[in-house]
Amino acid sequence: MAVLNERLDLRVDGVDLSVAAVRRAGDGDPVVFLHGFGSSKEDYADLDVHPAFAGRPFLAYDAPGCGESGCADLSRISIPFLVRTAQAVLAQQGIGRFHLVGHSMGGLTALLLAHQEPGRVIGFVDIEGNVAPEDCFLSRQIITHPSDDPESFLADFTERVRSSTEFGAALYAASVRHKVRPGAVRGIFESMVDLSDHGDLMTTFLALPFPRMFLYGEQNSSLSYLKELAAHGVELAEIPYSGHWPMYSNPVEMWERIARFQARALR
């Protein structure tokens, strides 16, 4: 099946959106991907050529204010807004049940989507999505490094990431300013921090009634909650030679782990 690049005209909470999406038809239930902050749908484009996913349908799209997607009012964007956007995209595409994969910001969006639509999710791969306050090492910079100028904040944020010692950080930093509009940053980051600090996300994640995998880079193997996840039946996937962006630093291992997990979820 050929990969289709599409533009979806949607209206969410009274805001006009032009959502850039990539999808492939195929046999079975689709895999739906939600990208992280400063990333885009192209993080998942390799699914089209990965032999483990041959013939599988999938959908990935740029979140409003990110990548090639437009938003008439960037100030309205937040994690709850992104959840409602995901629901609108699924409805427009006629998707019923699906496999769900989300990274970072997309992992948090996916968690809330799965909580609201548990009967539709076959399995959930959470790639370092927020489940605890400690996960706000990027988003909390909206508080720890305040700025009234969105352009300046994003520029300084990018340089801080670039100088970090995490695998994939420099590659991520090289394109982040091209993949997110400055006006969208505050609403996304402030809502991520608020949900991580006060949203009881761990309880929500552990209560999901379908197979779950938490995928993380080996540089983040010290996350305090990993043992708790495993004790509650969440499969852990540690990706070697990787940090917060395994799709940049070790995509081969990341895709293999996702493929094996989804194959088991289908049984």
C-alpha atoms as a PDB file:
ATOM      1  CA  MET A   1       0.000   0.000   0.000  1.00  0.00           C
ATOM      2  CA  ALA A   2       1.231   3.485  -0.866  1.00  0.00           C
ATOM      3  CA  VAL A   3       1.880   6.048   1.835  1.00  0.00           C
ATOM      4  CA  LEU A   4      -0.428   9.052   1.568  1.00  0.00           C
ATOM      5  CA  ASN A   5       0.411  12.564   2.724  1.00  0.00           C
ATOM      6  CA  GLU A   6      -2.772  14.447   3.527  1.00  0.00           C
ATOM      7  CA  ARG A   7      -3.983  17.709   4.999  1.00  0.00           C
ATOM      8  CA  LEU A   8      -6.981  17.479   7.335  1.00  0.00           C
ATOM      9  CA  ASP A   9      -9.087  20.589   7.883  1.00  0.00           C
ATOM     10  CA  LEU A  10     -10.546  20.349  11.380  1.00  0.00           C
ATOM     11  CA  ARG A  11     -12.176  22.578  13.970  1.00  0.00           C
ATOM     12  CA  VAL A  12     -11.408  21.838  17.625  1.00  0.00           C
ATOM     13  CA  ASP A  13     -12.829  23.952  20.456  1.00  0.00           C
ATOM     14  CA  GLY A  14     -13.780  26.583  17.887  1.00  0.00           C
ATOM     15  CA  VAL A  15     -10.212  26.780  16.526  1.00  0.00           C
ATOM     16  CA  ASP A  16      -9.488  26.066  12.865  1.00  0.00           C
ATOM     17  CA  LEU A  17      -6.714  23.536  12.277  1.00  0.00           C
ATOM     18  CA  SER A  18      -4.902  22.355   9.175  1.00  0.00           C
ATOM     19  CA  VAL A  19      -3.361  19.048  10.219  1.00  0.00           C
ATOM     20  CA  ALA A  20      -0.604  17.475   8.122  1.00  0.00           C
ATOM     21  CA  ALA A  21      -0.841  13.699   8.283  1.00  0.00           C
ATOM     22  CA  VAL A  22       0.807  10.648   6.774  1.00  0.00           C
ATOM     23  CA  ARG A  23      -0.976   7.321   6.622  1.00  0.00           C
ATOM     24  CA  ARG A  24      -0.973   3.931   5.004  1.00  0.00           C
ATOM     25  CA  ALA A  25      -3.871   1.576   4.500  1.00  0.00           C
ATOM     26  CA  GLY A  26      -3.468  -2.133   5.129  1.00  0.00           C
ATOM     27  CA  ASP A  27      -4.753  -5.178   6.924  1.00  0.00           C
ATOM     28  CA  GLY A  28      -5.819  -5.054  10.558  1.00  0.00           C
ATOM     29  CA  ASP A  29      -6.061  -2.252  13.072  1.00  0.00           C
ATOM     30  CA  PRO A  30      -3.796   0.758  12.509  1.00  0.00           C
ATOM     31  CA  VAL A  31      -0.895   2.001  14.591  1.00  0.00           C
ATOM     32  CA  VAL A  32      -1.451   5.629  15.629  1.00  0.00           C
ATOM     33  CA  PHE A  33       1.625   7.700  16.498  1.00  0.00           C
ATOM     34  CA  LEU A  34       1.771  10.936  18.509  1.00  0.00           C
ATOM     35  CA  HIS A  35       5.104  12.764  18.347  1.00  0.00           C
ATOM     36  CA  GLY A  36       6.925  14.665  21.069  1.00  0.00           C
ATOM     37  CA  PHE A  37       7.496  18.380  21.564  1.00  0.00           C
ATOM     38  CA  GLY A  38       9.796  19.784  18.888  1.00  0.00           C
ATOM     39  CA  SER A  39       9.439  16.680  16.758  1.00  0.00           C
ATOM     40  CA  SER A  40       7.110  15.718  13.914  1.00  0.00           C
ATOM     41  CA  LYS A  41       5.297  12.886  12.183  1.00  0.00           C
ATOM     42  CA  GLU A  42       8.505  12.042  10.318  1.00  0.00           C
ATOM     43  CA  ASP A  43       9.865  10.499  13.531  1.00  0.00           C
ATOM     44  CA  TYR A  44       7.740   7.489  12.585  1.00  0.00           C
ATOM     45  CA  ALA A  45       8.068   7.459   8.784  1.00  0.00           C
ATOM     46  CA  ASP A  46      10.391   4.428   8.865  1.00  0.00           C
ATOM     47  CA  LEU A  47       7.405   2.259   9.675  1.00  0.00           C
ATOM     48  CA  ASP A  48       6.702   2.272   5.947  1.00  0.00           C
ATOM     49  CA  VAL A  49       9.938   0.417   5.155  1.00  0.00           C
ATOM     50  CA  HIS A  50      10.368  -1.671   8.309  1.00  0.00           C
ATOM     51  CA  PRO A  51       9.800  -5.353   7.468  1.00  0.00           C
ATOM     52  CA  ALA A  52       8.235  -6.113  10.851  1.00  0.00           C
ATOM     53  CA  PHE A  53       5.353  -3.770   9.993  1.00  0.00           C
ATOM     54  CA  ALA A  54       4.860  -4.828   6.362  1.00  0.00           C
ATOM     55  CA  GLY A  55       1.217  -4.446   5.381  1.00  0.00           C
ATOM     56  CA  ARG A  56       0.238  -2.802   8.652  1.00  0.00           C
ATOM     57  CA  PRO A  57      -1.857   0.369   8.426  1.00  0.00           C
ATOM     58  CA  PHE A  58      -0.628   3.403  10.341  1.00  0.00           C
ATOM     59  CA  LEU A  59      -1.325   7.074  10.920  1.00  0.00           C
ATOM     60  CA  ALA A  60       0.979   9.841  12.130  1.00  0.00           C
ATOM     61  CA  TYR A  61       0.308  13.562  12.092  1.00  0.00           C
ATOM     62  CA  ASP A  62       1.873  16.822  13.160  1.00  0.00           C
ATOM     63  CA  ALA A  63       0.273  18.258  16.284  1.00  0.00           C
ATOM     64  CA  PRO A  64      -1.220  21.759  15.895  1.00  0.00           C
ATOM     65  CA  GLY A  65       1.519  24.367  15.921  1.00  0.00           C
ATOM     66  CA  CYS A  66       4.128  21.718  15.137  1.00  0.00           C
ATOM     67  CA  GLY A  67       5.708  20.444  11.945  1.00  0.00           C
ATOM     68  CA  GLU A  68       3.543  21.281   8.948  1.00  0.00           C
ATOM     69  CA  SER A  69       0.274  21.627  10.883  1.00  0.00           C
ATOM     70  CA  GLY A  70      -1.352  25.017  11.239  1.00  0.00           C
ATOM     71  CA  CYS A  71      -3.450  26.420  14.056  1.00  0.00           C
ATOM     72  CA  ALA A  72      -5.485  29.632  13.865  1.00  0.00           C
ATOM     73  CA  ASP A  73      -4.879  30.420  17.561  1.00  0.00           C
ATOM     74  CA  LEU A  74      -1.599  29.095  18.958  1.00  0.00           C
ATOM     75  CA  SER A  75      -2.443  30.354  22.451  1.00  0.00           C
ATOM     76  CA  ARG A  76      -5.219  27.756  22.732  1.00  0.00           C
ATOM     77  CA  ILE A  77      -2.865  24.794  22.402  1.00  0.00           C
ATOM     78  CA  SER A  78      -2.387  22.667  25.525  1.00  0.00           C
ATOM     79  CA  ILE A  79      -2.240  18.963  26.299  1.00  0.00           C
ATOM     80  CA  PRO A  80      -6.047  18.713  26.733  1.00  0.00           C
ATOM     81  CA  PHE A  81      -6.427  20.529  23.396  1.00  0.00           C
ATOM     82  CA  LEU A  82      -4.065  17.996  21.790  1.00  0.00           C
ATOM     83  CA  VAL A  83      -6.146  15.147  23.198  1.00  0.00           C
ATOM     84  CA  ARG A  84      -9.272  16.604  21.602  1.00  0.00           C
ATOM     85  CA  THR A  85      -7.328  17.082  18.378  1.00  0.00           C
ATOM     86  CA  ALA A  86      -6.372  13.394  18.434  1.00  0.00           C
ATOM     87  CA  GLN A  87     -10.020  12.452  18.898  1.00  0.00           C
ATOM     88  CA  ALA A  88     -10.998  14.682  15.971  1.00  0.00           C
ATOM     89  CA  VAL A  89      -8.301  13.167  13.730  1.00  0.00           C
ATOM     90  CA  LEU A  90      -9.389   9.618  14.620  1.00  0.00           C
ATOM     91  CA  ALA A  91     -13.010  10.485  13.890  1.00  0.00           C
ATOM     92  CA  GLN A  92     -12.153  12.142  10.581  1.00  0.00           C
ATOM     93  CA  GLN A  93     -10.124   9.099   9.533  1.00  0.00           C
ATOM     94  CA  GLY A  94     -12.835   6.650  10.616  1.00  0.00           C
ATOM     95  CA  ILE A  95     -10.496   4.802  12.992  1.00  0.00           C
ATOM     96  CA  GLY A  96     -12.150   2.562  15.589  1.00  0.00           C
ATOM     97  CA  ARG A  97      -9.640   0.379  17.413  1.00  0.00           C
ATOM     98  CA  PHE A  98      -5.934   1.089  17.178  1.00  0.00           C
ATOM     99  CA  HIS A  99      -2.472   0.462  18.568  1.00  0.00           C
ATOM    100  CA  LEU A 100      -1.153   3.601  20.246  1.00  0.00           C
ATOM    101  CA  VAL A 101       2.430   4.913  20.388  1.00  0.00           C
ATOM    102  CA  GLY A 102       3.345   8.269  21.918  1.00  0.00           C
ATOM    103  CA  HIS A 103       6.655   9.952  22.710  1.00  0.00           C
ATOM    104  CA  SER A 104       7.213  12.581  25.435  1.00  0.00           C
ATOM    105  CA  MET A 105       4.510  15.226  24.865  1.00  0.00           C
ATOM    106  CA  GLY A 106       2.805  12.723  22.589  1.00  0.00           C
ATOM    107  CA  GLY A 107       3.109  10.070  25.287  1.00  0.00           C
ATOM    108  CA  LEU A 108       1.245  12.279  27.740  1.00  0.00           C
ATOM    109  CA  THR A 109      -1.374  13.102  25.118  1.00  0.00           C
ATOM    110  CA  ALA A 110      -1.701   9.393  24.351  1.00  0.00           C
ATOM    111  CA  LEU A 111      -2.066   8.525  28.030  1.00  0.00           C
ATOM    112  CA  LEU A 112      -5.009  10.890  28.449  1.00  0.00           C
ATOM    113  CA  LEU A 113      -6.515   9.742  25.154  1.00  0.00           C
ATOM    114  CA  ALA A 114      -6.236   6.101  26.249  1.00  0.00           C
ATOM    115  CA  HIS A 115      -7.784   6.941  29.617  1.00  0.00           C
ATOM    116  CA  GLN A 116     -10.775   8.528  27.876  1.00  0.00           C
ATOM    117  CA  GLU A 117     -11.086   5.868  25.147  1.00  0.00           C
ATOM    118  CA  PRO A 118      -9.910   2.605  26.801  1.00  0.00           C
ATOM    119  CA  GLY A 119     -12.165   0.375  24.722  1.00  0.00           C
ATOM    120  CA  ARG A 120     -10.513   1.498  21.487  1.00  0.00           C
ATOM    121  CA  VAL A 121      -6.854   0.956  22.408  1.00  0.00           C
ATOM    122  CA  ILE A 122      -5.319  -2.469  21.731  1.00  0.00           C
ATOM    123  CA  GLY A 123      -1.951  -1.703  23.294  1.00  0.00           C
ATOM    124  CA  PHE A 124       0.013   1.383  24.319  1.00  0.00           C
ATOM    125  CA  VAL A 125       3.733   2.048  23.875  1.00  0.00           C
ATOM    126  CA  ASP A 126       4.721   5.042  25.996  1.00  0.00           C
ATOM    127  CA  ILE A 127       8.133   6.388  24.927  1.00  0.00           C
ATOM    128  CA  GLU A 128       9.209   8.445  27.934  1.00  0.00           C
ATOM    129  CA  GLY A 129       5.845  10.166  28.188  1.00  0.00           C
ATOM    130  CA  ASN A 130       5.127  12.085  31.370  1.00  0.00           C
ATOM    131  CA  VAL A 131       3.831  10.013  34.278  1.00  0.00           C
ATOM    132  CA  ALA A 132       5.515  11.837  37.189  1.00  0.00           C
ATOM    133  CA  PRO A 133       6.857  15.304  38.086  1.00  0.00           C
ATOM    134  CA  GLU A 134      10.439  14.224  37.388  1.00  0.00           C
ATOM    135  CA  ASP A 135       9.572  13.857  33.698  1.00  0.00           C
ATOM    136  CA  CYS A 136       9.344  17.633  33.210  1.00  0.00           C
ATOM    137  CA  PHE A 137      13.057  18.117  32.585  1.00  0.00           C
ATOM    138  CA  LEU A 138      12.216  19.915  29.332  1.00  0.00           C
ATOM    139  CA  SER A 139       8.795  21.430  29.956  1.00  0.00           C
ATOM    140  CA  ARG A 140       9.602  22.790  33.442  1.00  0.00           C
ATOM    141  CA  GLN A 141      12.047  25.180  31.814  1.00  0.00           C
ATOM    142  CA  ILE A 142       9.040  27.422  31.150  1.00  0.00           C
ATOM    143  CA  ILE A 143       9.165  28.044  34.930  1.00  0.00           C
ATOM    144  CA  THR A 144      12.880  27.723  35.712  1.00  0.00           C
ATOM    145  CA  HIS A 145      13.959  29.904  32.764  1.00  0.00           C
ATOM    146  CA  PRO A 146      11.069  32.375  32.387  1.00  0.00           C
ATOM    147  CA  SER A 147      10.856  34.758  29.459  1.00  0.00           C
ATOM    148  CA  ASP A 148       8.130  37.061  28.190  1.00  0.00           C
ATOM    149  CA  ASP A 149       9.385  36.654  24.624  1.00  0.00           C
ATOM    150  CA  PRO A 150       8.358  33.312  23.044  1.00  0.00           C
ATOM    151  CA  GLU A 151      11.043  33.597  20.348  1.00  0.00           C
ATOM    152  CA  SER A 152      13.797  34.194  22.895  1.00  0.00           C
ATOM    153  CA  PHE A 153      12.588  31.391  25.145  1.00  0.00           C
ATOM    154  CA  LEU A 154      12.602  28.865  22.315  1.00  0.00           C
ATOM    155  CA  ALA A 155      16.033  29.987  21.131  1.00  0.00           C
ATOM    156  CA  ASP A 156      17.508  29.705  24.621  1.00  0.00           C
ATOM    157  CA  PHE A 157      15.720  26.385  25.225  1.00  0.00           C
ATOM    158  CA  THR A 158      17.239  25.023  22.036  1.00  0.00           C
ATOM    159  CA  GLU A 159      20.755  25.994  23.077  1.00  0.00           C
ATOM    160  CA  ARG A 160      20.327  24.410  26.508  1.00  0.00           C
ATOM    161  CA  VAL A 161      19.248  21.159  24.902  1.00  0.00           C
ATOM    162  CA  ARG A 162      22.060  21.305  22.361  1.00  0.00           C
ATOM    163  CA  SER A 163      24.679  21.515  25.110  1.00  0.00           C
ATOM    164  CA  SER A 164      23.317  18.555  27.097  1.00  0.00           C
ATOM    165  CA  THR A 165      25.097  15.200  27.207  1.00  0.00           C
ATOM    166  CA  GLU A 166      22.065  13.130  26.263  1.00  0.00           C
ATOM    167  CA  PHE A 167      22.139  10.918  23.191  1.00  0.00           C
ATOM    168  CA  GLY A 168      20.296  12.555  20.300  1.00  0.00           C
ATOM    169  CA  ALA A 169      20.147  15.984  21.942  1.00  0.00           C
ATOM    170  CA  ALA A 170      22.200  17.823  19.328  1.00  0.00           C
ATOM    171  CA  LEU A 171      20.235  16.281  16.464  1.00  0.00           C
ATOM    172  CA  TYR A 172      16.976  17.200  18.176  1.00  0.00           C
ATOM    173  CA  ALA A 173      18.166  20.757  18.851  1.00  0.00           C
ATOM    174  CA  ALA A 174      19.183  21.261  15.221  1.00  0.00           C
ATOM    175  CA  SER A 175      15.564  21.166  14.052  1.00  0.00           C
ATOM    176  CA  VAL A 176      13.384  22.011  17.035  1.00  0.00           C
ATOM    177  CA  ARG A 177      13.018  25.699  16.095  1.00  0.00           C
ATOM    178  CA  HIS A 178      11.783  24.626  12.656  1.00  0.00           C
ATOM    179  CA  LYS A 179       9.259  22.144  14.046  1.00  0.00           C
ATOM    180  CA  VAL A 180       7.358  24.163  16.639  1.00  0.00           C
ATOM    181  CA  ARG A 181       5.902  27.666  16.548  1.00  0.00           C
ATOM    182  CA  PRO A 182       7.083  29.806  19.474  1.00  0.00           C
ATOM    183  CA  GLY A 183       3.515  30.856  20.270  1.00  0.00           C
ATOM    184  CA  ALA A 184       2.542  27.252  21.002  1.00  0.00           C
ATOM    185  CA  VAL A 185       5.260  26.567  23.562  1.00  0.00           C
ATOM    186  CA  ARG A 186       3.896  28.176  26.736  1.00  0.00           C
ATOM    187  CA  GLY A 187       0.507  26.476  26.644  1.00  0.00           C
ATOM    188  CA  ILE A 188       2.045  23.087  25.929  1.00  0.00           C
ATOM    189  CA  PHE A 189       4.745  23.326  28.590  1.00  0.00           C
ATOM    190  CA  GLU A 190       2.580  24.837  31.328  1.00  0.00           C
ATOM    191  CA  SER A 191      -0.087  22.171  30.870  1.00  0.00           C
ATOM    192  CA  MET A 192       2.538  19.402  30.859  1.00  0.00           C
ATOM    193  CA  VAL A 193       3.948  20.643  34.156  1.00  0.00           C
ATOM    194  CA  ASP A 194       0.511  21.055  35.716  1.00  0.00           C
ATOM    195  CA  LEU A 195      -0.619  17.578  34.697  1.00  0.00           C
ATOM    196  CA  SER A 196       2.660  15.987  35.784  1.00  0.00           C
ATOM    197  CA  ASP A 197       2.569  17.690  39.195  1.00  0.00           C
ATOM    198  CA  HIS A 198      -1.157  17.418  39.942  1.00  0.00           C
ATOM    199  CA  GLY A 199      -2.791  15.036  37.446  1.00  0.00           C
ATOM    200  CA  ASP A 200      -2.066  11.715  39.219  1.00  0.00           C
ATOM    201  CA  LEU A 201      -0.753  10.383  35.918  1.00  0.00           C
ATOM    202  CA  MET A 202       0.852   7.286  37.409  1.00  0.00           C
ATOM    203  CA  THR A 203      -2.492   6.078  38.745  1.00  0.00           C
ATOM    204  CA  THR A 204      -4.041   6.726  35.345  1.00  0.00           C
ATOM    205  CA  PHE A 205      -1.300   4.801  33.546  1.00  0.00           C
ATOM    206  CA  LEU A 206      -1.389   1.810  35.883  1.00  0.00           C
ATOM    207  CA  ALA A 207      -5.185   1.574  35.613  1.00  0.00           C
ATOM    208  CA  LEU A 208      -5.234   1.219  31.814  1.00  0.00           C
ATOM    209  CA  PRO A 209      -6.893  -2.131  30.989  1.00  0.00           C
ATOM    210  CA  PHE A 210      -4.751  -3.240  28.021  1.00  0.00           C
ATOM    211  CA  PRO A 211      -1.079  -4.168  27.414  1.00  0.00           C
ATOM    212  CA  ARG A 212       1.331  -1.319  28.093  1.00  0.00           C
ATOM    213  CA  MET A 213       5.017  -0.861  27.466  1.00  0.00           C
ATOM    214  CA  PHE A 214       7.183   1.947  28.810  1.00  0.00           C
ATOM    215  CA  LEU A 215      10.146   2.465  26.482  1.00  0.00           C
ATOM    216  CA  TYR A 216      13.085   4.583  27.634  1.00  0.00           C
ATOM    217  CA  GLY A 217      16.731   5.259  26.888  1.00  0.00           C
ATOM    218  CA  GLU A 218      19.432   3.696  29.026  1.00  0.00           C
ATOM    219  CA  GLN A 219      20.562   7.173  30.093  1.00  0.00           C
ATOM    220  CA  ASN A 220      17.229   7.458  31.901  1.00  0.00           C
ATOM    221  CA  SER A 221      17.357   4.082  33.631  1.00  0.00           C
ATOM    222  CA  SER A 222      17.456   5.914  36.972  1.00  0.00           C
ATOM    223  CA  LEU A 223      13.819   7.057  36.670  1.00  0.00           C
ATOM    224  CA  SER A 224      12.402   6.464  40.136  1.00  0.00           C
ATOM    225  CA  TYR A 225       9.161   4.807  39.058  1.00  0.00           C
ATOM    226  CA  LEU A 226      10.430   2.030  36.755  1.00  0.00           C
ATOM    227  CA  LYS A 227      10.171  -0.687  39.419  1.00  0.00           C
ATOM    228  CA  GLU A 228       6.627   0.412  40.226  1.00  0.00           C
ATOM    229  CA  LEU A 229       5.650   0.148  36.580  1.00  0.00           C
ATOM    230  CA  ALA A 230       7.089  -3.358  36.318  1.00  0.00           C
ATOM    231  CA  ALA A 231       5.375  -4.423  39.545  1.00  0.00           C
ATOM    232  CA  HIS A 232       2.033  -3.461  38.010  1.00  0.00           C
ATOM    233  CA  GLY A 233       2.516  -5.437  34.829  1.00  0.00           C
ATOM    234  CA  VAL A 234       3.912  -2.733  32.558  1.00  0.00           C
ATOM    235  CA  GLU A 235       6.552  -4.106  30.192  1.00  0.00           C
ATOM    236  CA  LEU A 236       9.805  -2.146  30.347  1.00  0.00           C
ATOM    237  CA  ALA A 237      11.983  -1.650  27.268  1.00  0.00           C
ATOM    238  CA  GLU A 238      15.386  -0.081  27.906  1.00  0.00           C
ATOM    239  CA  ILE A 239      17.012   1.059  24.665  1.00  0.00           C
ATOM    240  CA  PRO A 240      20.829   1.015  24.772  1.00  0.00           C
ATOM    241  CA  TYR A 241      22.944   3.918  23.525  1.00  0.00           C
ATOM    242  CA  SER A 242      19.935   6.171  23.871  1.00  0.00           C
ATOM    243  CA  GLY A 243      18.418   8.914  25.966  1.00  0.00           C
ATOM    244  CA  HIS A 244      15.104  10.747  25.622  1.00  0.00           C
ATOM    245  CA  TRP A 245      15.078  10.391  21.806  1.00  0.00           C
ATOM    246  CA  PRO A 246      15.590   6.702  20.983  1.00  0.00           C
ATOM    247  CA  MET A 247      14.166   7.252  17.484  1.00  0.00           C
ATOM    248  CA  TYR A 248      17.256   9.379  16.757  1.00  0.00           C
ATOM    249  CA  SER A 249      20.014   7.475  18.528  1.00  0.00           C
ATOM    250  CA  ASN A 250      18.952   3.815  18.318  1.00  0.00           C
ATOM    251  CA  PRO A 251      15.929   3.483  16.032  1.00  0.00           C
ATOM    252  CA  VAL A 252      16.680  -0.132  15.084  1.00  0.00           C
ATOM    253  CA  GLU A 253      16.304  -1.362  18.659  1.00  0.00           C
ATOM    254  CA  MET A 254      13.326   0.904  19.288  1.00  0.00           C
ATOM    255  CA  TRP A 255      11.387  -0.436  16.309  1.00  0.00           C
ATOM    256  CA  GLU A 256      12.240  -4.041  17.151  1.00  0.00           C
ATOM    257  CA  ARG A 257      10.923  -3.660  20.695  1.00  0.00           C
ATOM    258  CA  ILE A 258       7.741  -1.965  19.501  1.00  0.00           C
ATOM    259  CA  ALA A 259       7.171  -4.658  16.867  1.00  0.00           C
ATOM    260  CA  ARG A 260       7.568  -7.502  19.374  1.00  0.00           C
ATOM    261  CA  PHE A 261       5.263  -5.823  21.897  1.00  0.00           C
ATOM    262  CA  GLN A 262       2.541  -5.207  19.342  1.00  0.00           C
ATOM    263  CA  ALA A 263       2.800  -8.765  18.041  1.00  0.00           C
ATOM    264  CA  ARG A 264       2.103 -10.039  21.579  1.00  0.00           C
ATOM    265  CA  ALA A 265      -0.773  -7.576  22.026  1.00  0.00           C
ATOM    266  CA  LEU A 266      -2.445  -9.057  18.954  1.00  0.00           C
ATOM    267  CA  ARG A 267      -2.599 -12.583  20.437  1.00  0.00           C
END
